Amino acid sequence: MPTRDPIQLGLPHREPFIFVDEVTELTPGDSARGRKTFPPEEAFFRGHFPGDPLVPGVILTEALAQIAGIAVAQPGLRLAAIRTMKFPRAARPSQRIDLEASKTGEAGGLFQFAVKASVNGETVAEGAVVLAKAG
């Protein structure tokens, strides 16, 4: 895989809403893996449990949707549904979060993915998301 840059691989988002730092594996149309580290200076940490900051679950879910979108390798996708999502452990500032998405189904312009985020091999988010072609 020559590039690891999520934007060059088709991620339509831009700062400050890019939640994938690097793509580490890509099988276009099927799966992707990547990484994200949120620095302690991120604005949301000031209010998301001051003194005990956590990466918000909605941000982890968006990061997983973004890595799924990179896996689809088609432009113009939007997050259409969150089928399930669990957060068994907390992700914290400065921790490297490993992201993975694997396609489990496709029909009528909808793409369903099993997604997982982990820190040091321990799951911090896991579920299923659906992406749809915009329009």
N, C-alpha and C. Protein backbone atom coordinates (compact mmCIF):
# COMPACT_ATOMS: atom_id res chain seq x y z
N MET A 1 0.87 -1.17 0.00
CA MET A 1 0.00 0.00 0.00
C MET A 1 0.90 1.23 0.00
N PRO A 2 0.97 1.99 -1.08
CA PRO A 2 1.92 3.09 -1.17
C PRO A 2 1.62 4.27 -0.24
N THR A 3 0.35 4.62 -0.04
CA THR A 3 0.05 5.76 0.83
C THR A 3 -0.69 5.30 2.07
N ARG A 4 -0.42 5.95 3.16
CA ARG A 4 -1.10 5.66 4.42
C ARG A 4 -1.97 6.85 4.85
N ASP A 5 -1.98 7.90 4.04
CA ASP A 5 -2.71 9.12 4.35
C ASP A 5 -4.20 8.92 4.09
N PRO A 6 -5.05 9.08 5.12
CA PRO A 6 -6.48 8.83 4.94
C PRO A 6 -7.13 9.74 3.89
N ILE A 7 -6.66 10.97 3.75
CA ILE A 7 -7.23 11.89 2.75
C ILE A 7 -6.88 11.42 1.35
N GLN A 8 -5.64 11.03 1.14
CA GLN A 8 -5.24 10.52 -0.18
C GLN A 8 -5.97 9.22 -0.52
N LEU A 9 -6.42 8.50 0.50
CA LEU A 9 -7.15 7.26 0.28
C LEU A 9 -8.66 7.49 0.17
N GLY A 10 -9.07 8.76 0.12
CA GLY A 10 -10.47 9.07 -0.16
C GLY A 10 -11.31 9.59 0.98
N LEU A 11 -10.74 9.73 2.18
CA LEU A 11 -11.54 10.27 3.28
C LEU A 11 -11.94 11.71 2.96
N PRO A 12 -13.25 12.01 2.93
CA PRO A 12 -13.69 13.35 2.54
C PRO A 12 -13.59 14.39 3.66
N HIS A 13 -13.37 13.96 4.89
CA HIS A 13 -13.33 14.87 6.03
C HIS A 13 -12.06 15.72 6.02
N ARG A 14 -12.12 16.83 6.73
CA ARG A 14 -10.96 17.70 6.89
C ARG A 14 -10.89 18.13 8.36
N GLU A 15 -9.74 18.67 8.74
CA GLU A 15 -9.56 19.15 10.11
C GLU A 15 -10.66 20.16 10.43
N PRO A 16 -11.18 20.10 11.63
CA PRO A 16 -10.76 19.30 12.78
C PRO A 16 -11.53 17.99 12.92
N PHE A 17 -12.08 17.46 11.84
CA PHE A 17 -12.94 16.28 11.95
C PHE A 17 -12.35 15.05 11.28
N ILE A 18 -11.04 14.91 11.28
CA ILE A 18 -10.38 13.71 10.78
C ILE A 18 -9.98 12.88 12.00
N PHE A 19 -10.55 11.68 12.09
CA PHE A 19 -10.29 10.83 13.25
C PHE A 19 -9.53 9.56 12.89
N VAL A 20 -8.79 9.61 11.78
CA VAL A 20 -7.87 8.55 11.39
C VAL A 20 -6.55 9.23 11.08
N ASP A 21 -5.51 8.91 11.83
CA ASP A 21 -4.18 9.49 11.57
C ASP A 21 -3.48 8.80 10.43
N GLU A 22 -3.63 7.48 10.38
CA GLU A 22 -2.87 6.67 9.43
C GLU A 22 -3.65 5.40 9.10
N VAL A 23 -3.63 5.01 7.84
CA VAL A 23 -4.20 3.74 7.41
C VAL A 23 -3.06 2.73 7.35
N THR A 24 -3.20 1.62 8.07
CA THR A 24 -2.12 0.65 8.14
C THR A 24 -2.34 -0.56 7.23
N GLU A 25 -3.58 -0.85 6.90
CA GLU A 25 -3.91 -1.94 5.98
C GLU A 25 -5.16 -1.55 5.21
N LEU A 26 -5.22 -1.96 3.96
CA LEU A 26 -6.40 -1.67 3.14
C LEU A 26 -6.58 -2.76 2.10
N THR A 27 -7.78 -3.33 2.10
CA THR A 27 -8.24 -4.20 1.03
C THR A 27 -9.45 -3.49 0.46
N PRO A 28 -9.28 -2.71 -0.62
CA PRO A 28 -10.37 -1.88 -1.14
C PRO A 28 -11.64 -2.68 -1.38
N GLY A 29 -12.75 -2.13 -0.89
CA GLY A 29 -14.05 -2.76 -1.02
C GLY A 29 -14.36 -3.77 0.06
N ASP A 30 -13.39 -4.05 0.95
CA ASP A 30 -13.59 -5.11 1.93
C ASP A 30 -13.24 -4.72 3.37
N SER A 31 -12.02 -4.23 3.60
CA SER A 31 -11.60 -3.98 4.98
C SER A 31 -10.49 -2.94 5.05
N ALA A 32 -10.33 -2.40 6.24
CA ALA A 32 -9.25 -1.44 6.48
C ALA A 32 -8.90 -1.45 7.96
N ARG A 33 -7.66 -1.07 8.23
CA ARG A 33 -7.17 -0.87 9.60
C ARG A 33 -6.44 0.46 9.62
N GLY A 34 -6.51 1.11 10.77
CA GLY A 34 -5.82 2.38 10.91
C GLY A 34 -5.57 2.70 12.37
N ARG A 35 -5.10 3.93 12.60
CA ARG A 35 -4.74 4.36 13.95
C ARG A 35 -5.18 5.80 14.17
N LYS A 36 -5.43 6.10 15.44
CA LYS A 36 -5.70 7.47 15.85
C LYS A 36 -5.19 7.66 17.27
N THR A 37 -4.50 8.76 17.50
CA THR A 37 -4.10 9.17 18.84
C THR A 37 -4.63 10.57 19.06
N PHE A 38 -5.46 10.74 20.09
CA PHE A 38 -6.00 12.06 20.41
C PHE A 38 -5.10 12.74 21.43
N PRO A 39 -4.51 13.89 21.06
CA PRO A 39 -3.64 14.58 22.02
C PRO A 39 -4.45 15.14 23.18
N PRO A 40 -3.84 15.27 24.35
CA PRO A 40 -4.56 15.76 25.53
C PRO A 40 -5.13 17.17 25.35
N GLU A 41 -4.62 17.92 24.36
CA GLU A 41 -5.09 19.29 24.14
C GLU A 41 -6.43 19.35 23.39
N GLU A 42 -6.95 18.21 22.91
CA GLU A 42 -8.23 18.22 22.19
C GLU A 42 -9.28 18.91 23.05
N ALA A 43 -10.05 19.79 22.45
CA ALA A 43 -11.04 20.60 23.17
C ALA A 43 -12.05 19.75 23.94
N PHE A 44 -12.46 18.62 23.39
CA PHE A 44 -13.51 17.84 24.06
C PHE A 44 -13.05 17.24 25.37
N PHE A 45 -11.73 17.08 25.58
CA PHE A 45 -11.26 16.52 26.85
C PHE A 45 -11.49 17.48 28.02
N ARG A 46 -11.58 18.77 27.74
CA ARG A 46 -11.81 19.74 28.83
C ARG A 46 -13.14 19.48 29.53
N GLY A 47 -14.13 19.05 28.79
CA GLY A 47 -15.46 18.88 29.38
C GLY A 47 -15.92 17.44 29.49
N HIS A 48 -15.19 16.51 28.90
CA HIS A 48 -15.62 15.11 28.95
C HIS A 48 -14.90 14.43 30.09
N PHE A 49 -15.46 14.59 31.26
CA PHE A 49 -14.96 14.07 32.52
C PHE A 49 -13.66 14.76 32.94
N PRO A 50 -13.73 16.06 33.27
CA PRO A 50 -12.54 16.78 33.75
C PRO A 50 -11.86 16.04 34.90
N GLY A 51 -10.56 15.93 34.80
CA GLY A 51 -9.79 15.19 35.81
C GLY A 51 -9.69 13.71 35.51
N ASP A 52 -10.55 13.20 34.64
CA ASP A 52 -10.54 11.79 34.24
C ASP A 52 -10.98 11.70 32.78
N PRO A 53 -10.24 12.36 31.86
CA PRO A 53 -10.71 12.49 30.48
C PRO A 53 -10.79 11.17 29.71
N LEU A 54 -11.87 11.05 28.94
CA LEU A 54 -12.11 9.89 28.08
C LEU A 54 -12.39 10.36 26.67
N VAL A 55 -12.02 9.55 25.68
CA VAL A 55 -12.43 9.82 24.31
C VAL A 55 -13.93 9.52 24.25
N PRO A 56 -14.75 10.48 23.84
CA PRO A 56 -16.19 10.23 23.79
C PRO A 56 -16.55 9.08 22.85
N GLY A 57 -17.55 8.31 23.24
CA GLY A 57 -17.99 7.19 22.43
C GLY A 57 -18.43 7.61 21.04
N VAL A 58 -19.05 8.77 20.93
CA VAL A 58 -19.49 9.23 19.60
C VAL A 58 -18.29 9.53 18.70
N ILE A 59 -17.19 9.97 19.30
CA ILE A 59 -15.98 10.23 18.51
C ILE A 59 -15.35 8.90 18.08
N LEU A 60 -15.32 7.92 18.97
CA LEU A 60 -14.82 6.60 18.59
C LEU A 60 -15.68 6.00 17.48
N THR A 61 -16.99 6.17 17.58
CA THR A 61 -17.88 5.65 16.55
C THR A 61 -17.62 6.33 15.21
N GLU A 62 -17.42 7.63 15.22
CA GLU A 62 -17.11 8.35 13.99
C GLU A 62 -15.78 7.90 13.41
N ALA A 63 -14.78 7.68 14.25
CA ALA A 63 -13.48 7.19 13.76
C ALA A 63 -13.66 5.83 13.08
N LEU A 64 -14.48 4.98 13.65
CA LEU A 64 -14.73 3.67 13.05
C LEU A 64 -15.50 3.80 11.74
N ALA A 65 -16.45 4.72 11.68
CA ALA A 65 -17.17 4.96 10.42
C ALA A 65 -16.21 5.48 9.36
N GLN A 66 -15.26 6.33 9.75
CA GLN A 66 -14.30 6.85 8.79
C GLN A 66 -13.40 5.74 8.24
N ILE A 67 -12.93 4.83 9.10
CA ILE A 67 -12.08 3.75 8.58
C ILE A 67 -12.92 2.81 7.71
N ALA A 68 -14.19 2.63 8.02
CA ALA A 68 -15.08 1.83 7.17
C ALA A 68 -15.25 2.50 5.81
N GLY A 69 -15.40 3.83 5.80
CA GLY A 69 -15.53 4.55 4.54
C GLY A 69 -14.29 4.42 3.68
N ILE A 70 -13.13 4.42 4.30
CA ILE A 70 -11.89 4.21 3.54
C ILE A 70 -11.89 2.81 2.95
N ALA A 71 -12.39 1.84 3.71
CA ALA A 71 -12.44 0.46 3.21
C ALA A 71 -13.34 0.32 1.99
N VAL A 72 -14.49 1.01 1.99
CA VAL A 72 -15.41 0.92 0.86
C VAL A 72 -14.73 1.40 -0.42
N ALA A 73 -13.89 2.41 -0.29
CA ALA A 73 -13.12 2.94 -1.42
C ALA A 73 -14.02 3.48 -2.53
N GLN A 74 -15.11 4.15 -2.12
CA GLN A 74 -16.00 4.82 -3.05
C GLN A 74 -16.33 6.20 -2.49
N PRO A 75 -16.36 7.21 -3.33
CA PRO A 75 -16.66 8.56 -2.83
C PRO A 75 -18.14 8.73 -2.50
N GLY A 76 -18.43 9.73 -1.70
CA GLY A 76 -19.82 10.14 -1.46
C GLY A 76 -20.60 9.29 -0.50
N LEU A 77 -19.95 8.71 0.50
CA LEU A 77 -20.66 7.90 1.49
C LEU A 77 -20.94 8.69 2.75
N ARG A 78 -22.00 8.33 3.42
CA ARG A 78 -22.37 8.94 4.70
C ARG A 78 -22.70 7.84 5.69
N LEU A 79 -22.52 8.13 6.97
CA LEU A 79 -22.95 7.22 8.01
C LEU A 79 -24.47 7.21 8.02
N ALA A 80 -25.06 6.03 7.79
CA ALA A 80 -26.52 5.92 7.70
C ALA A 80 -27.14 5.30 8.94
N ALA A 81 -26.40 4.42 9.62
CA ALA A 81 -26.94 3.75 10.80
C ALA A 81 -25.82 3.23 11.67
N ILE A 82 -26.10 3.23 12.95
CA ILE A 82 -25.25 2.56 13.92
C ILE A 82 -26.08 1.38 14.41
N ARG A 83 -25.75 0.19 13.94
CA ARG A 83 -26.54 -1.00 14.27
C ARG A 83 -26.38 -1.37 15.75
N THR A 84 -25.14 -1.43 16.17
CA THR A 84 -24.83 -1.71 17.56
C THR A 84 -23.52 -1.01 17.88
N MET A 85 -23.31 -0.70 19.15
CA MET A 85 -22.01 -0.16 19.56
C MET A 85 -21.89 -0.36 21.07
N LYS A 86 -20.77 -0.94 21.48
CA LYS A 86 -20.48 -1.14 22.90
C LYS A 86 -19.12 -0.50 23.19
N PHE A 87 -18.98 -0.05 24.43
CA PHE A 87 -17.74 0.59 24.87
C PHE A 87 -17.29 -0.08 26.18
N PRO A 88 -16.66 -1.25 26.08
CA PRO A 88 -16.33 -2.01 27.29
C PRO A 88 -15.21 -1.41 28.14
N ARG A 89 -14.36 -0.58 27.55
CA ARG A 89 -13.27 0.08 28.28
C ARG A 89 -13.14 1.50 27.77
N ALA A 90 -12.44 2.32 28.53
CA ALA A 90 -12.24 3.71 28.14
C ALA A 90 -10.98 3.87 27.30
N ALA A 91 -11.05 4.78 26.35
CA ALA A 91 -9.87 5.24 25.62
C ALA A 91 -9.54 6.62 26.16
N ARG A 92 -8.26 6.88 26.36
CA ARG A 92 -7.84 8.11 27.02
C ARG A 92 -6.91 8.93 26.13
N PRO A 93 -6.68 10.19 26.52
CA PRO A 93 -5.76 11.03 25.75
C PRO A 93 -4.39 10.36 25.62
N SER A 94 -3.77 10.56 24.47
CA SER A 94 -2.41 10.10 24.15
C SER A 94 -2.29 8.59 23.93
N GLN A 95 -3.37 7.84 24.06
CA GLN A 95 -3.30 6.42 23.78
C GLN A 95 -3.48 6.18 22.28
N ARG A 96 -2.71 5.27 21.72
CA ARG A 96 -2.91 4.90 20.32
C ARG A 96 -4.11 3.98 20.24
N ILE A 97 -5.07 4.38 19.43
CA ILE A 97 -6.29 3.59 19.23
C ILE A 97 -6.19 2.91 17.87
N ASP A 98 -6.24 1.60 17.87
CA ASP A 98 -6.21 0.84 16.63
C ASP A 98 -7.65 0.64 16.16
N LEU A 99 -7.90 0.98 14.89
CA LEU A 99 -9.23 0.94 14.31
C LEU A 99 -9.29 -0.14 13.24
N GLU A 100 -10.40 -0.86 13.19
CA GLU A 100 -10.55 -1.85 12.12
C GLU A 100 -12.00 -1.94 11.69
N ALA A 101 -12.18 -2.20 10.40
CA ALA A 101 -13.51 -2.34 9.81
C ALA A 101 -13.47 -3.43 8.76
N SER A 102 -14.46 -4.33 8.81
CA SER A 102 -14.57 -5.42 7.83
C SER A 102 -16.00 -5.46 7.31
N LYS A 103 -16.14 -5.45 6.00
CA LYS A 103 -17.48 -5.46 5.40
C LYS A 103 -18.17 -6.80 5.69
N THR A 104 -19.41 -6.70 6.15
CA THR A 104 -20.20 -7.90 6.43
C THR A 104 -21.39 -8.03 5.49
N GLY A 105 -21.70 -6.95 4.76
CA GLY A 105 -22.82 -7.02 3.83
C GLY A 105 -22.90 -5.79 2.96
N GLU A 106 -23.58 -5.96 1.82
CA GLU A 106 -23.77 -4.85 0.88
C GLU A 106 -25.06 -5.10 0.11
N ALA A 107 -25.91 -4.07 0.03
CA ALA A 107 -27.15 -4.18 -0.74
C ALA A 107 -27.69 -2.80 -1.05
N GLY A 108 -28.02 -2.57 -2.30
CA GLY A 108 -28.69 -1.33 -2.70
C GLY A 108 -27.99 -0.05 -2.29
N GLY A 109 -26.68 -0.02 -2.41
CA GLY A 109 -25.94 1.18 -2.05
C GLY A 109 -25.66 1.33 -0.56
N LEU A 110 -25.99 0.31 0.23
CA LEU A 110 -25.69 0.29 1.66
C LEU A 110 -24.54 -0.68 1.91
N PHE A 111 -23.65 -0.29 2.82
CA PHE A 111 -22.48 -1.11 3.15
C PHE A 111 -22.44 -1.28 4.66
N GLN A 112 -22.56 -2.52 5.13
CA GLN A 112 -22.51 -2.78 6.57
C GLN A 112 -21.13 -3.29 6.94
N PHE A 113 -20.61 -2.79 8.06
CA PHE A 113 -19.28 -3.15 8.53
C PHE A 113 -19.30 -3.53 10.00
N ALA A 114 -18.56 -4.58 10.33
CA ALA A 114 -18.22 -4.87 11.71
C ALA A 114 -17.01 -3.99 12.03
N VAL A 115 -17.06 -3.27 13.14
CA VAL A 115 -15.99 -2.33 13.48
C VAL A 115 -15.52 -2.58 14.91
N LYS A 116 -14.24 -2.25 15.11
CA LYS A 116 -13.66 -2.44 16.44
C LYS A 116 -12.52 -1.45 16.64
N ALA A 117 -12.46 -0.89 17.84
CA ALA A 117 -11.36 -0.03 18.25
C ALA A 117 -10.72 -0.65 19.48
N SER A 118 -9.39 -0.64 19.53
CA SER A 118 -8.71 -1.22 20.68
C SER A 118 -7.50 -0.39 21.07
N VAL A 119 -7.13 -0.52 22.33
CA VAL A 119 -5.95 0.12 22.89
C VAL A 119 -5.13 -0.99 23.56
N ASN A 120 -3.90 -1.15 23.13
CA ASN A 120 -3.03 -2.20 23.69
C ASN A 120 -3.70 -3.57 23.65
N GLY A 121 -4.43 -3.85 22.57
CA GLY A 121 -5.07 -5.15 22.41
C GLY A 121 -6.39 -5.32 23.15
N GLU A 122 -6.82 -4.31 23.91
CA GLU A 122 -8.08 -4.38 24.65
C GLU A 122 -9.14 -3.55 23.94
N THR A 123 -10.29 -4.13 23.72
CA THR A 123 -11.37 -3.48 23.00
C THR A 123 -11.92 -2.29 23.79
N VAL A 124 -12.02 -1.13 23.12
CA VAL A 124 -12.62 0.07 23.72
C VAL A 124 -13.95 0.42 23.03
N ALA A 125 -14.18 -0.10 21.83
CA ALA A 125 -15.45 0.10 21.12
C ALA A 125 -15.61 -1.03 20.12
N GLU A 126 -16.85 -1.48 19.97
CA GLU A 126 -17.10 -2.58 19.04
C GLU A 126 -18.56 -2.54 18.63
N GLY A 127 -18.81 -2.78 17.34
CA GLY A 127 -20.18 -2.78 16.88
C GLY A 127 -20.30 -2.95 15.39
N ALA A 128 -21.38 -2.40 14.85
CA ALA A 128 -21.64 -2.46 13.41
C ALA A 128 -22.20 -1.13 12.95
N VAL A 129 -21.70 -0.65 11.82
CA VAL A 129 -22.18 0.59 11.23
C VAL A 129 -22.58 0.34 9.78
N VAL A 130 -23.47 1.20 9.28
CA VAL A 130 -23.91 1.12 7.90
C VAL A 130 -23.59 2.44 7.23
N LEU A 131 -22.96 2.38 6.07
CA LEU A 131 -22.67 3.55 5.27
C LEU A 131 -23.56 3.51 4.04
N ALA A 132 -23.97 4.69 3.57
CA ALA A 132 -24.84 4.76 2.39
C ALA A 132 -24.31 5.80 1.43
N LYS A 133 -24.57 5.59 0.16
CA LYS A 133 -24.24 6.59 -0.85
C LYS A 133 -25.12 7.81 -0.64
N ALA A 134 -24.51 8.98 -0.68
CA ALA A 134 -25.26 10.22 -0.49
C ALA A 134 -26.16 10.45 -1.69
N GLY A 135 -27.27 11.08 -1.43
CA GLY A 135 -28.12 11.39 -2.56
C GLY A 135 -29.55 11.36 -2.31
